[in-house]
Amino acid sequence: KLELMSSSSSSSSSFSHLEHLWACGMLYSKTCPALARQYVRQMRTRARDSATCIALSLERQFCQHCSTIFLPGENCRVRLLALN
């Protein structure tokens, strides 16, 4: 599920378009990473243009520089820290 913090100027159609771009990016993240990066780039550009902030929990799921979606065990590491 896409989490966005929208401003008052954004419409529901732009939100649904952002949601669709994220879903397409997730769908192609394993089979065609270049296409998935393009979808995430488009989502980020649309969000910026419509003054919609992407939630921090969602921003942590892709690289801020190259827009690659993180896939634990395939292109990123997940480290667990012990709580003392």
Protein backbone atom coordinates (compact mmCIF):
# COMPACT_ATOMS: atom_id res chain seq x y z
CA LYS A 1 0.00 0.00 0.00
CA LEU A 2 1.28 3.41 -0.99
CA GLU A 3 1.68 5.91 1.84
CA LEU A 4 1.69 9.56 0.87
CA MET A 5 1.25 12.76 2.80
CA SER A 6 -0.68 14.90 0.37
CA SER A 7 -1.14 18.63 0.39
CA SER A 8 -4.53 20.26 -0.06
CA SER A 9 -3.86 20.96 -3.75
CA SER A 10 -3.37 17.34 -4.81
CA SER A 11 -6.33 15.51 -6.28
CA SER A 12 -7.44 11.94 -5.91
CA SER A 13 -6.58 11.22 -9.55
CA SER A 14 -2.94 12.22 -9.04
CA PHE A 15 -2.82 10.05 -5.91
CA SER A 16 -4.23 7.07 -7.80
CA HIS A 17 -1.70 7.67 -10.58
CA LEU A 18 1.15 7.67 -8.03
CA GLU A 19 -0.26 4.51 -6.50
CA HIS A 20 -0.37 2.88 -9.94
CA LEU A 21 3.24 3.86 -10.71
CA TRP A 22 4.41 2.37 -7.41
CA ALA A 23 2.47 -0.85 -8.03
CA CYS A 24 4.02 -1.16 -11.51
CA GLY A 25 7.47 -0.54 -10.07
CA MET A 26 7.00 -3.26 -7.49
CA LEU A 27 5.64 -5.64 -10.13
CA TYR A 28 8.69 -5.27 -12.40
CA SER A 29 11.33 -4.91 -9.67
CA LYS A 30 12.57 -8.51 -10.05
CA THR A 31 12.01 -9.18 -13.73
CA CYS A 32 13.00 -5.82 -15.25
CA PRO A 33 14.79 -3.53 -12.76
CA ALA A 34 15.40 -0.79 -15.36
CA LEU A 35 11.67 -0.47 -16.01
CA ALA A 36 10.95 -0.49 -12.27
CA ARG A 37 13.44 2.35 -11.76
CA GLN A 38 11.70 4.34 -14.48
CA TYR A 39 8.33 3.90 -12.76
CA VAL A 40 9.76 5.03 -9.42
CA ARG A 41 11.40 8.05 -11.08
CA GLN A 42 8.06 8.98 -12.65
CA MET A 43 6.32 8.57 -9.30
CA ARG A 44 8.86 10.80 -7.55
CA THR A 45 8.64 13.46 -10.29
CA ARG A 46 4.83 13.46 -10.22
CA ALA A 47 4.80 13.68 -6.43
CA ARG A 48 7.20 16.62 -6.52
CA ASP A 49 5.23 18.40 -9.25
CA SER A 50 1.93 17.97 -7.42
CA ALA A 51 3.44 19.03 -4.06
CA THR A 52 2.77 15.62 -2.53
CA CYS A 53 5.21 14.36 0.08
CA ILE A 54 6.09 10.68 0.02
CA ALA A 55 6.00 9.12 3.48
CA LEU A 56 9.35 8.27 5.04
CA SER A 57 8.39 4.59 5.34
CA LEU A 58 7.93 4.47 1.55
CA GLU A 59 11.07 6.49 0.79
CA ARG A 60 13.10 3.89 2.66
CA GLN A 61 11.99 1.24 0.18
CA PHE A 62 13.96 2.67 -2.75
CA CYS A 63 17.31 4.36 -3.38
CA GLN A 64 17.14 8.16 -3.36
CA HIS A 65 19.86 8.43 -6.01
CA CYS A 66 19.07 5.77 -8.62
CA SER A 67 15.41 4.93 -7.72
CA THR A 68 16.11 1.20 -7.42
CA ILE A 69 13.52 -0.61 -5.31
CA PHE A 70 15.23 -2.42 -2.43
CA LEU A 71 14.74 -6.20 -2.45
CA PRO A 72 16.13 -7.68 0.78
CA GLY A 73 18.60 -10.45 0.04
CA GLU A 74 18.93 -9.51 -3.64
CA ASN A 75 20.19 -5.95 -3.85
CA CYS A 76 20.40 -4.86 -0.19
CA ARG A 77 21.21 -6.23 3.23
CA VAL A 78 18.96 -6.17 6.26
CA ARG A 79 20.79 -6.03 9.53
CA LEU A 80 19.14 -6.71 12.85
CA LEU A 81 20.54 -5.01 15.89
CA ALA A 82 20.19 -6.51 19.34
CA LEU A 83 18.46 -4.29 21.87
CA ASN A 84 20.40 -4.09 25.11
